[in-house]
Amino acid sequence: MVSVMFTKGSQKLKYKNDFCSDLIEVQFLPSTFELQEEPQRTTPRGFPPQKKQEIITNLFSLTLGTRHAFWNNLPESIVKDLAIQHEKRASL
C-alpha cells in the first residue's frame, strides 16, 4: 500500500497499491459497529507531586529562570506515572 485514506464518520477506507492506480474502497468495519468516543478531558490530568518535586529539585539549576514558572504552575494530582506504565508495556 502506498496511500490510505480514512474519513471521519465513515466505516470505509480507501487505499492505493501503487501511485498510478485509482483508490480502492473497502468496508473495514462491520455495519453493526458503533463508534463510541471517549469523553474529552475538561481539566488537566495533573502530575504526580513527587515527580514534579524531583524535576524542580534536579533541573531548576540547569534551566533559565523564565522556565521556572512553567514547572511551578503544573497542576498536581495523585495519578499513575505514565512513564512507568509505558515502560512496563514496552517490556512485555
C-alpha atoms as a PDB file:
ATOM      1  CA  MET A   1       0.000   0.000   0.000  1.00  0.00           C
ATOM      2  CA  VAL A   2       1.309   3.415  -0.885  1.00  0.00           C
ATOM      3  CA  SER A   3      -1.652   5.512   0.241  1.00  0.00           C
ATOM      4  CA  VAL A   4      -4.500   5.012   2.701  1.00  0.00           C
ATOM      5  CA  MET A   5      -7.362   7.447   3.286  1.00  0.00           C
ATOM      6  CA  PHE A   6      -9.739   7.322   6.242  1.00  0.00           C
ATOM      7  CA  THR A   7     -12.751   9.610   6.502  1.00  0.00           C
ATOM      8  CA  LYS A   8     -14.139  10.641   9.876  1.00  0.00           C
ATOM      9  CA  GLY A   9     -17.542   9.058  10.484  1.00  0.00           C
ATOM     10  CA  SER A  10     -17.149   6.522   7.675  1.00  0.00           C
ATOM     11  CA  GLN A  11     -16.807   2.771   8.033  1.00  0.00           C
ATOM     12  CA  LYS A  12     -14.882   2.584   4.773  1.00  0.00           C
ATOM     13  CA  LEU A  13     -11.299   3.194   3.850  1.00  0.00           C
ATOM     14  CA  LYS A  14      -9.693   3.914   0.504  1.00  0.00           C
ATOM     15  CA  TYR A  15      -6.238   2.762  -0.496  1.00  0.00           C
ATOM     16  CA  LYS A  16      -3.806   2.513  -3.399  1.00  0.00           C
ATOM     17  CA  ASN A  17      -1.339  -0.264  -4.070  1.00  0.00           C
ATOM     18  CA  ASP A  18       0.755   1.956  -6.339  1.00  0.00           C
ATOM     19  CA  PHE A  19       0.903   5.656  -7.103  1.00  0.00           C
ATOM     20  CA  CYS A  20      -0.608   5.377 -10.584  1.00  0.00           C
ATOM     21  CA  SER A  21      -3.718   3.393  -9.645  1.00  0.00           C
ATOM     22  CA  ASP A  22      -7.140   4.643  -8.577  1.00  0.00           C
ATOM     23  CA  LEU A  23      -8.301   4.469  -4.977  1.00  0.00           C
ATOM     24  CA  ILE A  24      -9.855   1.148  -3.972  1.00  0.00           C
ATOM     25  CA  GLU A  25     -12.688   1.421  -1.433  1.00  0.00           C
ATOM     26  CA  VAL A  26     -13.364  -1.274   1.158  1.00  0.00           C
ATOM     27  CA  GLN A  27     -15.592  -1.514   4.212  1.00  0.00           C
ATOM     28  CA  PHE A  28     -13.283  -2.232   7.140  1.00  0.00           C
ATOM     29  CA  LEU A  29     -15.802  -2.077   9.986  1.00  0.00           C
ATOM     30  CA  PRO A  30     -18.900  -4.269  10.275  1.00  0.00           C
ATOM     31  CA  SER A  31     -22.178  -2.447   9.658  1.00  0.00           C
ATOM     32  CA  THR A  32     -23.202  -3.194  13.267  1.00  0.00           C
ATOM     33  CA  PHE A  33     -20.170  -1.333  14.659  1.00  0.00           C
ATOM     34  CA  GLU A  34     -20.993   1.821  16.636  1.00  0.00           C
ATOM     35  CA  LEU A  35     -18.219   4.283  17.300  1.00  0.00           C
ATOM     36  CA  GLN A  36     -18.212   5.381  20.932  1.00  0.00           C
ATOM     37  CA  GLU A  37     -15.859   8.253  21.565  1.00  0.00           C
ATOM     38  CA  GLU A  38     -14.291   8.723  24.958  1.00  0.00           C
ATOM     39  CA  PRO A  39     -15.359  11.885  26.749  1.00  0.00           C
ATOM     40  CA  GLN A  40     -12.801  14.644  26.419  1.00  0.00           C
ATOM     41  CA  ARG A  41     -10.934  15.819  29.459  1.00  0.00           C
ATOM     42  CA  THR A  42     -12.092  19.242  30.643  1.00  0.00           C
ATOM     43  CA  THR A  43      -9.344  19.718  33.227  1.00  0.00           C
ATOM     44  CA  PRO A  44      -5.633  18.910  33.111  1.00  0.00           C
ATOM     45  CA  ARG A  45      -4.749  15.345  34.093  1.00  0.00           C
ATOM     46  CA  GLY A  46      -2.194  16.555  36.580  1.00  0.00           C
ATOM     47  CA  PHE A  47       1.253  15.409  37.530  1.00  0.00           C
ATOM     48  CA  PRO A  48       2.359  13.261  40.487  1.00  0.00           C
ATOM     49  CA  PRO A  49       3.576  15.716  43.190  1.00  0.00           C
ATOM     50  CA  GLN A  50       6.689  13.636  43.937  1.00  0.00           C
ATOM     51  CA  LYS A  51       7.764  13.612  40.296  1.00  0.00           C
ATOM     52  CA  LYS A  52       7.147  17.346  39.985  1.00  0.00           C
ATOM     53  CA  GLN A  53       9.285  17.983  43.054  1.00  0.00           C
ATOM     54  CA  GLU A  54      12.082  15.755  41.680  1.00  0.00           C
ATOM     55  CA  ILE A  55      12.097  17.721  38.437  1.00  0.00           C
ATOM     56  CA  ILE A  56      12.149  21.045  40.253  1.00  0.00           C
ATOM     57  CA  THR A  57      14.945  19.891  42.552  1.00  0.00           C
ATOM     58  CA  ASN A  58      17.137  18.363  39.830  1.00  0.00           C
ATOM     59  CA  LEU A  59      16.559  20.645  36.849  1.00  0.00           C
ATOM     60  CA  PHE A  60      15.997  24.160  38.153  1.00  0.00           C
ATOM     61  CA  SER A  61      19.728  24.813  38.388  1.00  0.00           C
ATOM     62  CA  LEU A  62      20.070  23.801  34.712  1.00  0.00           C
ATOM     63  CA  THR A  63      17.195  25.837  33.286  1.00  0.00           C
ATOM     64  CA  LEU A  64      16.594  29.509  32.681  1.00  0.00           C
ATOM     65  CA  GLY A  65      14.653  31.368  35.336  1.00  0.00           C
ATOM     66  CA  THR A  66      11.992  32.175  32.753  1.00  0.00           C
ATOM     67  CA  ARG A  67      11.121  28.470  32.590  1.00  0.00           C
ATOM     68  CA  HIS A  68      10.619  28.001  36.327  1.00  0.00           C
ATOM     69  CA  ALA A  69       7.069  29.346  36.299  1.00  0.00           C
ATOM     70  CA  PHE A  70       6.016  26.552  33.930  1.00  0.00           C
ATOM     71  CA  TRP A  71       7.163  23.832  36.313  1.00  0.00           C
ATOM     72  CA  ASN A  72       5.883  25.603  39.410  1.00  0.00           C
ATOM     73  CA  ASN A  73       2.431  26.019  37.849  1.00  0.00           C
ATOM     74  CA  LEU A  74       1.990  22.427  36.647  1.00  0.00           C
ATOM     75  CA  PRO A  75      -1.244  21.002  38.067  1.00  0.00           C
ATOM     76  CA  GLU A  76      -0.756  18.208  40.571  1.00  0.00           C
ATOM     77  CA  SER A  77      -2.889  15.165  41.213  1.00  0.00           C
ATOM     78  CA  ILE A  78      -2.479  11.670  42.525  1.00  0.00           C
ATOM     79  CA  VAL A  79      -2.278   9.719  39.258  1.00  0.00           C
ATOM     80  CA  LYS A  80      -0.277   6.807  37.914  1.00  0.00           C
ATOM     81  CA  ASP A  81       3.015   7.784  36.354  1.00  0.00           C
ATOM     82  CA  LEU A  82       2.506   7.293  32.624  1.00  0.00           C
ATOM     83  CA  ALA A  83       6.251   6.862  32.026  1.00  0.00           C
ATOM     84  CA  ILE A  84       6.322   3.835  34.339  1.00  0.00           C
ATOM     85  CA  GLN A  85       3.180   2.403  32.747  1.00  0.00           C
ATOM     86  CA  HIS A  86       4.722   2.814  29.275  1.00  0.00           C
ATOM     87  CA  GLU A  87       7.964   1.104  30.329  1.00  0.00           C
ATOM     88  CA  LYS A  88       6.030  -1.881  31.714  1.00  0.00           C
ATOM     89  CA  ARG A  89       4.044  -2.269  28.457  1.00  0.00           C
ATOM     90  CA  ALA A  90       7.148  -1.904  26.306  1.00  0.00           C
ATOM     91  CA  SER A  91       8.942  -4.685  28.167  1.00  0.00           C
ATOM     92  CA  LEU A  92       6.074  -7.179  27.722  1.00  0.00           C
END
